PDB file of N, CA and C in Angstrom:
ATOM      1  N   MET A   1      67.908 110.851  75.486  1.00  0.00           N
ATOM      2  CA  MET A   1      68.302 109.965  73.945  1.00  0.00           C
ATOM      3  C   MET A   1      67.061 108.983  73.560  1.00  0.00           C
ATOM      4  N   GLU A   2      66.842 108.827  72.447  1.00  0.00           N
ATOM      5  CA  GLU A   2      66.144 107.831  72.077  1.00  0.00           C
ATOM      6  C   GLU A   2      66.454 107.166  70.677  1.00  0.00           C
ATOM      7  N   LYS A   3      66.964 106.109  70.941  1.00  0.00           N
ATOM      8  CA  LYS A   3      67.492 105.724  69.391  1.00  0.00           C
ATOM      9  C   LYS A   3      66.346 105.161  68.730  1.00  0.00           C
ATOM     10  N   MET A   4      66.242 105.871  67.382  1.00  0.00           N
ATOM     11  CA  MET A   4      65.072 105.624  66.443  1.00  0.00           C
ATOM     12  C   MET A   4      65.751 104.332  65.444  1.00  0.00           C
ATOM     13  N   ASN A   5      67.178 104.256  64.748  1.00  0.00           N
ATOM     14  CA  ASN A   5      67.160 103.153  64.505  1.00  0.00           C
ATOM     15  C   ASN A   5      69.007 103.189  64.292  1.00  0.00           C
ATOM     16  N   ASP A   6      69.651 102.174  63.561  1.00  0.00           N
ATOM     17  CA  ASP A   6      70.930 101.963  63.876  1.00  0.00           C
ATOM     18  C   ASP A   6      71.464 103.463  63.647  1.00  0.00           C
ATOM     19  N   TYR A   7      71.265 104.360  62.624  1.00  0.00           N
ATOM     20  CA  TYR A   7      71.853 105.334  62.637  1.00  0.00           C
ATOM     21  C   TYR A   7      71.172 107.043  62.926  1.00  0.00           C
ATOM     22  N   MET A   8      70.068 106.764  63.523  1.00  0.00           N
ATOM     23  CA  MET A   8      69.507 107.730  64.095  1.00  0.00           C
ATOM     24  C   MET A   8      69.068 107.875  65.548  1.00  0.00           C
ATOM     25  N   THR A   9      69.432 109.202  66.340  1.00  0.00           N
ATOM     26  CA  THR A   9      68.920 108.963  67.617  1.00  0.00           C
ATOM     27  C   THR A   9      68.066 110.325  67.785  1.00  0.00           C
ATOM     28  N   LYS A  10      67.075 110.580  68.448  1.00  0.00           N
ATOM     29  CA  LYS A  10      66.405 111.278  69.000  1.00  0.00           C
ATOM     30  C   LYS A  10      66.875 112.258  70.453  1.00  0.00           C
ATOM     31  N   ILE A  11      67.295 113.051  70.015  1.00  0.00           N
ATOM     32  CA  ILE A  11      67.870 113.952  71.260  1.00  0.00           C
ATOM     33  C   ILE A  11      66.533 114.954  71.687  1.00  0.00           C
ATOM     34  N   GLU A  12      66.670 115.368  73.425  1.00  0.00           N
ATOM     35  CA  GLU A  12      66.188 116.648  73.649  1.00  0.00           C
ATOM     36  C   GLU A  12      67.117 117.888  73.272  1.00  0.00           C
ATOM     37  N   LYS A  13      66.584 119.241  73.544  1.00  0.00           N
ATOM     38  CA  LYS A  13      67.375 120.420  73.653  1.00  0.00           C
ATOM     39  C   LYS A  13      68.259 120.469  74.398  1.00  0.00           C
ATOM     40  N   VAL A  14      68.039 119.614  75.841  1.00  0.00           N
ATOM     41  CA  VAL A  14      69.319 119.790  76.788  1.00  0.00           C
ATOM     42  C   VAL A  14      70.388 119.210  76.463  1.00  0.00           C
ATOM     43  N   GLU A  15      69.826 118.001  76.130  1.00  0.00           N
ATOM     44  CA  GLU A  15      71.487 116.996  75.570  1.00  0.00           C
ATOM     45  C   GLU A  15      72.157 117.293  74.415  1.00  0.00           C
ATOM     46  N   LEU A  16      71.683 118.596  73.594  1.00  0.00           N
ATOM     47  CA  LEU A  16      72.584 118.677  72.484  1.00  0.00           C
ATOM     48  C   LEU A  16      73.978 119.286  72.674  1.00  0.00           C
ATOM     49  N   LEU A  17      74.110 120.081  73.770  1.00  0.00           N
ATOM     50  CA  LEU A  17      75.370 120.305  73.382  1.00  0.00           C
ATOM     51  C   LEU A  17      76.462 119.416  74.182  1.00  0.00           C
ATOM     52  N   SER A  18      75.939 118.644  75.106  1.00  0.00           N
ATOM     53  CA  SER A  18      76.795 117.464  75.835  1.00  0.00           C
ATOM     54  C   SER A  18      77.048 116.545  74.492  1.00  0.00           C
ATOM     55  N   VAL A  19      75.985 116.159  73.395  1.00  0.00           N
ATOM     56  CA  VAL A  19      76.280 115.326  72.672  1.00  0.00           C
ATOM     57  C   VAL A  19      77.519 115.860  71.459  1.00  0.00           C
ATOM     58  N   ILE A  20      77.290 117.322  71.303  1.00  0.00           N
ATOM     59  CA  ILE A  20      77.934 117.643  70.296  1.00  0.00           C
ATOM     60  C   ILE A  20      79.353 117.870  70.950  1.00  0.00           C
ATOM     61  N   MET A  21      79.782 118.236  72.086  1.00  0.00           N
ATOM     62  CA  MET A  21      81.296 118.453  72.842  1.00  0.00           C
ATOM     63  C   MET A  21      81.507 116.479  72.825  1.00  0.00           C
ATOM     64  N   GLU A  22      80.960 115.703  72.937  1.00  0.00           N
ATOM     65  CA  GLU A  22      80.838 114.360  73.360  1.00  0.00           C
ATOM     66  C   GLU A  22      81.678 114.114  72.022  1.00  0.00           C
ATOM     67  N   LYS A  23      80.946 114.461  70.546  1.00  0.00           N
ATOM     68  CA  LYS A  23      81.466 113.906  69.251  1.00  0.00           C
ATOM     69  C   LYS A  23      82.517 114.673  68.860  1.00  0.00           C
ATOM     70  N   LYS A  24      82.727 115.729  69.200  1.00  0.00           N
ATOM     71  CA  LYS A  24      84.285 117.000  69.092  1.00  0.00           C
ATOM     72  C   LYS A  24      85.332 116.561  69.486  1.00  0.00           C
ATOM     73  N   ASN A  25      85.070 115.838  71.025  1.00  0.00           N
ATOM     74  CA  ASN A  25      86.141 115.387  71.905  1.00  0.00           C
ATOM     75  C   ASN A  25      86.640 113.996  71.222  1.00  0.00           C
ATOM     76  N   ALA A  26      85.702 113.082  70.761  1.00  0.00           N
ATOM     77  CA  ALA A  26      86.200 112.122  70.319  1.00  0.00           C
ATOM     78  C   ALA A  26      86.407 112.279  68.715  1.00  0.00           C
ATOM     79  N   LEU A  27      86.932 113.281  68.302  1.00  0.00           N
ATOM     80  CA  LEU A  27      87.199 113.739  66.756  1.00  0.00           C
ATOM     81  C   LEU A  27      86.473 113.410  65.998  1.00  0.00           C
ATOM     82  N   TRP A  28      85.113 113.318  66.001  1.00  0.00           N
ATOM     83  CA  TRP A  28      84.295 113.298  64.977  1.00  0.00           C
ATOM     84  C   TRP A  28      84.197 114.509  64.189  1.00  0.00           C
ATOM     85  N   ARG A  29      83.660 114.493  62.619  1.00  0.00           N
ATOM     86  CA  ARG A  29      83.694 115.551  62.309  1.00  0.00           C
ATOM     87  C   ARG A  29      82.594 115.696  61.767  1.00  0.00           C
ATOM     88  N   LEU A  30      81.839 117.038  61.674  1.00  0.00           N
ATOM     89  CA  LEU A  30      80.373 117.509  61.510  1.00  0.00           C
ATOM     90  C   LEU A  30      80.167 117.382  60.473  1.00  0.00           C
ATOM     91  N   VAL A  31      79.353 116.284  59.273  1.00  0.00           N
ATOM     92  CA  VAL A  31      79.051 116.504  58.192  1.00  0.00           C
ATOM     93  C   VAL A  31      78.097 117.331  57.575  1.00  0.00           C
ATOM     94  N   GLN A  32      77.161 117.547  58.236  1.00  0.00           N
ATOM     95  CA  GLN A  32      76.008 118.388  57.944  1.00  0.00           C
ATOM     96  C   GLN A  32      74.892 118.492  58.956  1.00  0.00           C
ATOM     97  N   ILE A  33      74.099 119.668  58.875  1.00  0.00           N
ATOM     98  CA  ILE A  33      72.765 120.128  59.726  1.00  0.00           C
ATOM     99  C   ILE A  33      71.705 120.125  58.842  1.00  0.00           C
ATOM    100  N   CYS A  34      70.570 119.532  58.702  1.00  0.00           N
ATOM    101  CA  CYS A  34      69.505 119.526  57.943  1.00  0.00           C
ATOM    102  C   CYS A  34      68.312 120.191  58.939  1.00  0.00           C
ATOM    103  N   CYS A  35      67.557 120.892  58.180  1.00  0.00           N
ATOM    104  CA  CYS A  35      66.635 121.386  58.959  1.00  0.00           C
ATOM    105  C   CYS A  35      65.201 120.978  58.101  1.00  0.00           C
ATOM    106  N   ALA A  36      63.973 120.683  58.608  1.00  0.00           N
ATOM    107  CA  ALA A  36      62.706 120.396  58.015  1.00  0.00           C
ATOM    108  C   ALA A  36      61.501 120.894  58.882  1.00  0.00           C
ATOM    109  N   MET A  37      60.636 121.490  58.255  1.00  0.00           N
ATOM    110  CA  MET A  37      59.364 121.380  59.008  1.00  0.00           C
ATOM    111  C   MET A  37      58.658 120.508  58.785  1.00  0.00           C
ATOM    112  N   VAL A  38      58.080 119.788  60.113  1.00  0.00           N
ATOM    113  CA  VAL A  38      57.045 118.903  59.754  1.00  0.00           C
ATOM    114  C   VAL A  38      55.874 119.118  61.112  1.00  0.00           C
ATOM    115  N   ASN A  39      54.809 118.782  60.726  1.00  0.00           N
ATOM    116  CA  ASN A  39      53.469 118.960  61.813  1.00  0.00           C
ATOM    117  C   ASN A  39      54.296 120.336  62.843  1.00  0.00           C
ATOM    118  N   ASP A  40      54.383 121.437  62.049  1.00  0.00           N
ATOM    119  CA  ASP A  40      54.348 122.478  62.675  1.00  0.00           C
ATOM    120  C   ASP A  40      55.500 122.655  63.960  1.00  0.00           C
ATOM    121  N   GLN A  41      56.415 121.651  63.647  1.00  0.00           N
ATOM    122  CA  GLN A  41      57.605 121.706  64.284  1.00  0.00           C
ATOM    123  C   GLN A  41      58.820 121.500  63.357  1.00  0.00           C
ATOM    124  N   TYR A  42      60.038 121.929  64.200  1.00  0.00           N
ATOM    125  CA  TYR A  42      61.105 122.043  63.206  1.00  0.00           C
ATOM    126  C   TYR A  42      61.815 120.436  63.893  1.00  0.00           C
ATOM    127  N   GLU A  43      62.376 119.888  62.618  1.00  0.00           N
ATOM    128  CA  GLU A  43      63.526 118.696  63.056  1.00  0.00           C
ATOM    129  C   GLU A  43      64.556 119.215  62.589  1.00  0.00           C
ATOM    130  N   VAL A  44      65.584 119.314  63.205  1.00  0.00           N
ATOM    131  CA  VAL A  44      67.047 119.528  63.118  1.00  0.00           C
ATOM    132  C   VAL A  44      68.034 118.583  63.108  1.00  0.00           C
ATOM    133  N   THR A  45      68.473 117.871  62.117  1.00  0.00           N
ATOM    134  CA  THR A  45      69.225 116.608  62.269  1.00  0.00           C
ATOM    135  C   THR A  45      70.552 117.199  61.973  1.00  0.00           C
ATOM    136  N   TYR A  46      71.662 116.560  63.286  1.00  0.00           N
ATOM    137  CA  TYR A  46      73.010 116.937  63.108  1.00  0.00           C
ATOM    138  C   TYR A  46      73.683 115.343  62.493  1.00  0.00           C
ATOM    139  N   SER A  47      74.735 115.468  61.519  1.00  0.00           N
ATOM    140  CA  SER A  47      75.258 114.241  61.155  1.00  0.00           C
ATOM    141  C   SER A  47      76.668 114.406  61.481  1.00  0.00           C
ATOM    142  N   PHE A  48      77.367 113.533  62.047  1.00  0.00           N
ATOM    143  CA  PHE A  48      78.701 112.958  62.381  1.00  0.00           C
ATOM    144  C   PHE A  48      79.284 112.149  61.697  1.00  0.00           C
ATOM    145  N   ALA A  49      81.146 112.150  61.107  1.00  0.00           N
ATOM    146  CA  ALA A  49      81.171 111.083  60.795  1.00  0.00           C
ATOM    147  C   ALA A  49      82.816 110.977  61.394  1.00  0.00           C
ATOM    148  N   ASN A  50      82.998 109.485  61.804  1.00  0.00           N
ATOM    149  CA  ASN A  50      84.471 109.257  61.901  1.00  0.00           C
ATOM    150  C   ASN A  50      84.666 107.804  61.420  1.00  0.00           C
ATOM    151  N   GLU A  51      85.873 108.628  60.409  1.00  0.00           N
ATOM    152  CA  GLU A  51      86.182 107.215  59.351  1.00  0.00           C
ATOM    153  C   GLU A  51      85.113 106.579  58.937  1.00  0.00           C
ATOM    154  N   TYR A  52      84.556 105.478  58.986  1.00  0.00           N
ATOM    155  CA  TYR A  52      83.731 104.864  58.275  1.00  0.00           C
ATOM    156  C   TYR A  52      82.465 104.828  58.812  1.00  0.00           C
ATOM    157  N   GLU A  53      82.218 105.543  60.081  1.00  0.00           N
ATOM    158  CA  GLU A  53      81.161 105.572  61.302  1.00  0.00           C
ATOM    159  C   GLU A  53      80.448 106.702  60.731  1.00  0.00           C
ATOM    160  N   PHE A  54      79.092 106.572  60.963  1.00  0.00           N
ATOM    161  CA  PHE A  54      78.201 107.640  60.222  1.00  0.00           C
ATOM    162  C   PHE A  54      77.168 107.800  61.609  1.00  0.00           C
ATOM    163  N   GLU A  55      76.969 108.588  61.986  1.00  0.00           N
ATOM    164  CA  GLU A  55      75.710 108.766  63.186  1.00  0.00           C
ATOM    165  C   GLU A  55      74.773 110.372  63.003  1.00  0.00           C
ATOM    166  N   ASN A  56      73.697 110.194  63.214  1.00  0.00           N
ATOM    167  CA  ASN A  56      72.767 111.486  63.330  1.00  0.00           C
ATOM    168  C   ASN A  56      71.825 111.496  64.427  1.00  0.00           C
ATOM    169  N   TYR A  57      71.750 112.957  64.560  1.00  0.00           N
ATOM    170  CA  TYR A  57      71.180 113.146  65.838  1.00  0.00           C
ATOM    171  C   TYR A  57      69.971 114.071  65.796  1.00  0.00           C
ATOM    172  N   ARG A  58      68.580 113.856  65.793  1.00  0.00           N
ATOM    173  CA  ARG A  58      67.609 114.661  65.446  1.00  0.00           C
ATOM    174  C   ARG A  58      67.159 114.982  66.664  1.00  0.00           C
ATOM    175  N   LEU A  59      66.671 116.647  66.527  1.00  0.00           N
ATOM    176  CA  LEU A  59      66.043 117.353  67.705  1.00  0.00           C
ATOM    177  C   LEU A  59      65.104 117.988  67.113  1.00  0.00           C
ATOM    178  N   VAL A  60      63.883 117.636  67.809  1.00  0.00           N
ATOM    179  CA  VAL A  60      62.610 118.407  67.424  1.00  0.00           C
ATOM    180  C   VAL A  60      61.920 119.529  68.517  1.00  0.00           C
ATOM    181  N   VAL A  61      61.996 120.612  67.859  1.00  0.00           N
ATOM    182  CA  VAL A  61      61.456 121.621  68.666  1.00  0.00           C
ATOM    183  C   VAL A  61      60.402 122.191  68.037  1.00  0.00           C
ATOM    184  N   ASP A  62      59.668 123.167  69.013  1.00  0.00           N
ATOM    185  CA  ASP A  62      58.281 123.593  68.240  1.00  0.00           C
ATOM    186  C   ASP A  62      58.745 124.952  67.598  1.00  0.00           C
ATOM    187  N   LYS A  63      58.125 125.639  66.863  1.00  0.00           N
ATOM    188  CA  LYS A  63      58.503 126.585  65.660  1.00  0.00           C
ATOM    189  C   LYS A  63      58.769 127.639  66.323  1.00  0.00           C
ATOM    190  N   ASP A  64      58.210 127.932  67.818  1.00  0.00           N
ATOM    191  CA  ASP A  64      58.682 129.146  68.494  1.00  0.00           C
ATOM    192  C   ASP A  64      59.745 129.089  69.281  1.00  0.00           C
ATOM    193  N   GLU A  65      60.355 128.137  69.439  1.00  0.00           N
ATOM    194  CA  GLU A  65      61.892 127.911  70.135  1.00  0.00           C
ATOM    195  C   GLU A  65      63.082 128.071  69.648  1.00  0.00           C
ATOM    196  N   GLU A  66      63.877 128.619  70.443  1.00  0.00           N
ATOM    197  CA  GLU A  66      65.227 128.638  70.025  1.00  0.00           C
ATOM    198  C   GLU A  66      66.249 127.456  70.269  1.00  0.00           C
ATOM    199  N   VAL A  67      66.777 127.241  69.158  1.00  0.00           N
ATOM    200  CA  VAL A  67      67.946 126.155  69.251  1.00  0.00           C
ATOM    201  C   VAL A  67      69.540 126.555  69.699  1.00  0.00           C
ATOM    202  N   PRO A  68      70.107 125.921  70.429  1.00  0.00           N
ATOM    203  CA  PRO A  68      71.564 126.564  70.857  1.00  0.00           C
ATOM    204  C   PRO A  68      72.524 126.436  69.454  1.00  0.00           C
ATOM    205  N   SER A  69      73.266 127.400  69.207  1.00  0.00           N
ATOM    206  CA  SER A  69      74.450 127.513  68.233  1.00  0.00           C
ATOM    207  C   SER A  69      75.538 126.402  68.615  1.00  0.00           C
ATOM    208  N   ILE A  70      76.023 125.384  67.506  1.00  0.00           N
ATOM    209  CA  ILE A  70      77.005 124.653  68.037  1.00  0.00           C
ATOM    210  C   ILE A  70      78.242 125.204  67.297  1.00  0.00           C
ATOM    211  N   SER A  71      77.994 126.626  66.688  1.00  0.00           N
ATOM    212  CA  SER A  71      79.137 127.093  65.877  1.00  0.00           C
ATOM    213  C   SER A  71      80.296 127.581  66.461  1.00  0.00           C
ATOM    214  N   ARG A  72      80.587 127.662  67.834  1.00  0.00           N
ATOM    215  CA  ARG A  72      81.685 127.785  68.779  1.00  0.00           C
ATOM    216  C   ARG A  72      82.184 126.641  69.054  1.00  0.00           C
ATOM    217  N   VAL A  73      81.926 125.181  68.257  1.00  0.00           N
ATOM    218  CA  VAL A  73      82.833 124.086  68.859  1.00  0.00           C
ATOM    219  C   VAL A  73      83.017 123.585  67.526  1.00  0.00           C
ATOM    220  N   TYR A  74      82.065 123.739  66.678  1.00  0.00           N
ATOM    221  CA  TYR A  74      82.452 123.500  65.044  1.00  0.00           C
ATOM    222  C   TYR A  74      82.039 124.829  64.465  1.00  0.00           C
ATOM    223  N   ASN A  75      83.188 125.319  63.496  1.00  0.00           N
ATOM    224  CA  ASN A  75      83.039 126.119  63.125  1.00  0.00           C
ATOM    225  C   ASN A  75      82.047 126.352  61.880  1.00  0.00           C
ATOM    226  N   ALA A  76      82.013 125.313  61.103  1.00  0.00           N
ATOM    227  CA  ALA A  76      81.292 125.017  59.814  1.00  0.00           C
ATOM    228  C   ALA A  76      79.979 124.982  59.972  1.00  0.00           C
ATOM    229  N   ALA A  77      79.436 125.046  61.495  1.00  0.00           N
ATOM    230  CA  ALA A  77      78.142 125.144  61.681  1.00  0.00           C
ATOM    231  C   ALA A  77      77.162 126.698  61.495  1.00  0.00           C
ATOM    232  N   ILE A  78      78.459 127.510  61.222  1.00  0.00           N
ATOM    233  CA  ILE A  78      77.988 128.974  61.268  1.00  0.00           C
ATOM    234  C   ILE A  78      77.054 128.934  59.897  1.00  0.00           C
ATOM    235  N   PHE A  79      77.579 128.345  58.427  1.00  0.00           N
ATOM    236  CA  PHE A  79      76.396 128.075  57.323  1.00  0.00           C
ATOM    237  C   PHE A  79      75.409 127.405  57.531  1.00  0.00           C
ATOM    238  N   TYR A  80      75.648 126.259  58.119  1.00  0.00           N
ATOM    239  CA  TYR A  80      74.099 125.881  58.339  1.00  0.00           C
ATOM    240  C   TYR A  80      73.226 126.365  59.227  1.00  0.00           C
ATOM    241  N   GLU A  81      73.600 127.038  60.124  1.00  0.00           N
ATOM    242  CA  GLU A  81      72.484 127.848  61.299  1.00  0.00           C
ATOM    243  C   GLU A  81      72.196 128.932  60.145  1.00  0.00           C
ATOM    244  N   ASN A  82      73.113 129.676  60.046  1.00  0.00           N
ATOM    245  CA  ASN A  82      72.524 130.828  59.127  1.00  0.00           C
ATOM    246  C   ASN A  82      71.331 130.551  58.158  1.00  0.00           C
ATOM    247  N   GLU A  83      71.642 129.592  57.379  1.00  0.00           N
ATOM    248  CA  GLU A  83      70.909 129.015  56.411  1.00  0.00           C
ATOM    249  C   GLU A  83      69.580 128.607  56.938  1.00  0.00           C
ATOM    250  N   MET A  84      69.584 127.676  57.860  1.00  0.00           N
ATOM    251  CA  MET A  84      68.246 127.447  58.452  1.00  0.00           C
ATOM    252  C   MET A  84      67.650 128.761  59.091  1.00  0.00           C
ATOM    253  N   HIS A  85      68.358 129.348  59.655  1.00  0.00           N
ATOM    254  CA  HIS A  85      67.476 130.676  59.998  1.00  0.00           C
ATOM    255  C   HIS A  85      66.654 131.354  58.716  1.00  0.00           C
ATOM    256  N   GLU A  86      67.644 131.671  57.729  1.00  0.00           N
ATOM    257  CA  GLU A  86      67.332 132.443  57.000  1.00  0.00           C
ATOM    258  C   GLU A  86      66.286 131.539  55.915  1.00  0.00           C
ATOM    259  N   LEU A  87      66.427 130.355  55.716  1.00  0.00           N
ATOM    260  CA  LEU A  87      65.495 129.885  54.702  1.00  0.00           C
ATOM    261  C   LEU A  87      64.074 129.107  55.808  1.00  0.00           C
ATOM    262  N   PHE A  88      64.261 128.982  56.786  1.00  0.00           N
ATOM    263  CA  PHE A  88      63.205 128.129  57.403  1.00  0.00           C
ATOM    264  C   PHE A  88      62.731 129.088  58.262  1.00  0.00           C
ATOM    265  N   GLY A  89      63.521 129.957  59.091  1.00  0.00           N
ATOM    266  CA  GLY A  89      62.852 130.745  60.349  1.00  0.00           C
ATOM    267  C   GLY A  89      63.325 130.165  61.302  1.00  0.00           C
ATOM    268  N   LEU A  90      64.040 129.364  61.540  1.00  0.00           N
ATOM    269  CA  LEU A  90      64.477 128.488  62.833  1.00  0.00           C
ATOM    270  C   LEU A  90      65.238 129.321  63.710  1.00  0.00           C
ATOM    271  N   LYS A  91      64.988 129.892  65.053  1.00  0.00           N
ATOM    272  CA  LYS A  91      65.707 130.492  65.912  1.00  0.00           C
ATOM    273  C   LYS A  91      66.981 129.999  66.552  1.00  0.00           C
ATOM    274  N   VAL A  92      67.906 130.305  66.147  1.00  0.00           N
ATOM    275  CA  VAL A  92      69.282 129.977  66.342  1.00  0.00           C
ATOM    276  C   VAL A  92      69.771 130.954  67.493  1.00  0.00           C
ATOM    277  N   GLU A  93      70.178 130.345  68.636  1.00  0.00           N
ATOM    278  CA  GLU A  93      70.901 131.659  69.471  1.00  0.00           C
ATOM    279  C   GLU A  93      72.200 131.511  69.437  1.00  0.00           C
ATOM    280  N   GLN A  94      72.783 132.610  69.451  1.00  0.00           N
ATOM    281  CA  GLN A  94      74.220 133.101  69.719  1.00  0.00           C
ATOM    282  C   GLN A  94      75.080 132.278  68.626  1.00  0.00           C
ATOM    283  N   ILE A  95      74.928 132.597  67.350  1.00  0.00           N
ATOM    284  CA  ILE A  95      75.555 131.788  66.216  1.00  0.00           C
ATOM    285  C   ILE A  95      76.870 132.644  66.248  1.00  0.00           C
ATOM    286  N   LYS A  96      78.068 132.133  66.158  1.00  0.00           N
ATOM    287  CA  LYS A  96      79.382 132.776  66.446  1.00  0.00           C
ATOM    288  C   LYS A  96      79.812 133.918  65.424  1.00  0.00           C
ATOM    289  N   THR A  97      79.048 133.402  64.161  1.00  0.00           N
ATOM    290  CA  THR A  97      79.177 134.752  63.109  1.00  0.00           C
ATOM    291  C   THR A  97      77.725 134.833  62.374  1.00  0.00           C
ATOM    292  N   ASP A  98      76.842 135.723  62.783  1.00  0.00           N
ATOM    293  CA  ASP A  98      75.638 135.977  62.288  1.00  0.00           C
ATOM    294  C   ASP A  98      75.759 136.676  61.140  1.00  0.00           C
ATOM    295  N   LEU A  99      74.930 136.195  59.935  1.00  0.00           N
ATOM    296  CA  LEU A  99      75.020 136.850  58.629  1.00  0.00           C
ATOM    297  C   LEU A  99      73.995 137.814  58.420  1.00  0.00           C
ATOM    298  N   ASN A 100      73.168 137.894  59.337  1.00  0.00           N
ATOM    299  CA  ASN A 100      72.033 138.593  59.493  1.00  0.00           C
ATOM    300  C   ASN A 100      71.193 138.500  58.172  1.00  0.00           C
ATOM    301  N   ASP A 101      70.647 137.441  57.655  1.00  0.00           N
ATOM    302  CA  ASP A 101      69.440 136.865  56.694  1.00  0.00           C
ATOM    303  C   ASP A 101      70.503 137.504  55.301  1.00  0.00           C
ATOM    304  N   ARG A 102      71.645 137.342  55.240  1.00  0.00           N
ATOM    305  CA  ARG A 102      72.558 137.786  54.034  1.00  0.00           C
ATOM    306  C   ARG A 102      73.535 136.677  53.416  1.00  0.00           C
ATOM    307  N   LEU A 103      73.041 135.511  53.845  1.00  0.00           N
ATOM    308  CA  LEU A 103      73.963 134.409  53.271  1.00  0.00           C
ATOM    309  C   LEU A 103      73.546 134.026  52.215  1.00  0.00           C
ATOM    310  N   TYR A 104      72.204 134.050  51.321  1.00  0.00           N
ATOM    311  CA  TYR A 104      71.415 134.034  50.050  1.00  0.00           C
ATOM    312  C   TYR A 104      70.916 135.326  49.617  1.00  0.00           C
ATOM    313  N   ARG A 105      71.036 135.213  48.221  1.00  0.00           N
ATOM    314  CA  ARG A 105      70.336 136.380  47.472  1.00  0.00           C
ATOM    315  C   ARG A 105      68.627 135.752  47.130  1.00  0.00           C
ATOM    316  N   ILE A 106      67.955 135.962  47.955  1.00  0.00           N
ATOM    317  CA  ILE A 106      66.659 135.477  47.649  1.00  0.00           C
ATOM    318  C   ILE A 106      65.669 136.520  48.050  1.00  0.00           C
ATOM    319  N   ASP A 107      64.270 136.683  47.122  1.00  0.00           N
ATOM    320  CA  ASP A 107      63.488 137.622  47.147  1.00  0.00           C
ATOM    321  C   ASP A 107      62.708 137.406  48.144  1.00  0.00           C
ATOM    322  N   ALA A 108      62.302 136.531  48.991  1.00  0.00           N
ATOM    323  CA  ALA A 108      61.500 135.969  50.009  1.00  0.00           C
ATOM    324  C   ALA A 108      61.915 135.656  51.151  1.00  0.00           C
ATOM    325  N   GLU A 109      61.076 136.335  52.285  1.00  0.00           N
ATOM    326  CA  GLU A 109      61.615 136.023  53.717  1.00  0.00           C
ATOM    327  C   GLU A 109      61.322 134.988  53.945  1.00  0.00           C
ATOM    328  N   THR A 110      62.234 133.734  54.537  1.00  0.00           N
ATOM    329  CA  THR A 110      62.099 132.367  55.112  1.00  0.00           C
ATOM    330  C   THR A 110      60.969 131.907  54.255  1.00  0.00           C
ATOM    331  N   PRO A 111      61.540 131.573  52.650  1.00  0.00           N
ATOM    332  CA  PRO A 111      61.018 131.060  51.799  1.00  0.00           C
ATOM    333  C   PRO A 111      60.791 129.219  52.220  1.00  0.00           C
ATOM    334  N   PHE A 112      61.188 128.735  53.039  1.00  0.00           N
ATOM    335  CA  PHE A 112      60.927 127.113  53.322  1.00  0.00           C
ATOM    336  C   PHE A 112      59.895 127.182  54.465  1.00  0.00           C
ATOM    337  N   LYS A 113      59.601 128.398  54.885  1.00  0.00           N
ATOM    338  CA  LYS A 113      58.424 128.015  56.135  1.00  0.00           C
ATOM    339  C   LYS A 113      57.369 127.945  55.489  1.00  0.00           C
ATOM    340  N   LYS A 114      56.335 127.422  56.248  1.00  0.00           N
ATOM    341  CA  LYS A 114      54.966 127.191  55.721  1.00  0.00           C
ATOM    342  C   LYS A 114      54.167 128.548  55.872  1.00  0.00           C
ATOM    343  N   GLU A 115      53.493 129.131  54.666  1.00  0.00           N
ATOM    344  CA  GLU A 115      52.769 130.149  54.638  1.00  0.00           C
ATOM    345  C   GLU A 115      52.148 130.444  55.782  1.00  0.00           C
ATOM    346  N   ALA A 116      51.402 129.793  56.563  1.00  0.00           N
ATOM    347  CA  ALA A 116      50.479 130.008  57.701  1.00  0.00           C
ATOM    348  C   ALA A 116      51.141 130.170  58.896  1.00  0.00           C
ATOM    349  N   ASP A 117      52.400 130.100  58.998  1.00  0.00           N
ATOM    350  CA  ASP A 117      53.320 130.511  60.410  1.00  0.00           C
ATOM    351  C   ASP A 117      53.949 131.671  59.798  1.00  0.00           C
ATOM    352  N   LYS A 118      54.301 132.305  58.855  1.00  0.00           N
ATOM    353  CA  LYS A 118      54.965 133.484  58.342  1.00  0.00           C
ATOM    354  C   LYS A 118      54.176 134.683  59.060  1.00  0.00           C
TER     355      LYS A 118
END
């Protein structure tokens, strides 16, 4: 883990599930998961809140890497993970409920993924 500022901590993929379990056991709620493509890598940010505290954890992975699903710990993650896969092409392994690219009615496949990567 690398503290980037007061509200953002960069984590490695191997740390993701332990961070998620730590937050769940401490009764933090999942606020959102955000995905962005930056310099041919995905930046996935997991945000949590507990009362008036707010923390973000950023995971940076290569465009061909898989990210473990957290949907078995936080059910709401199902929608975020399906969205990231459908819109960005992020590979999420073992989503509790995989909607198979049917979350949105869109004409383009992975519309937020860079053209060079399609």
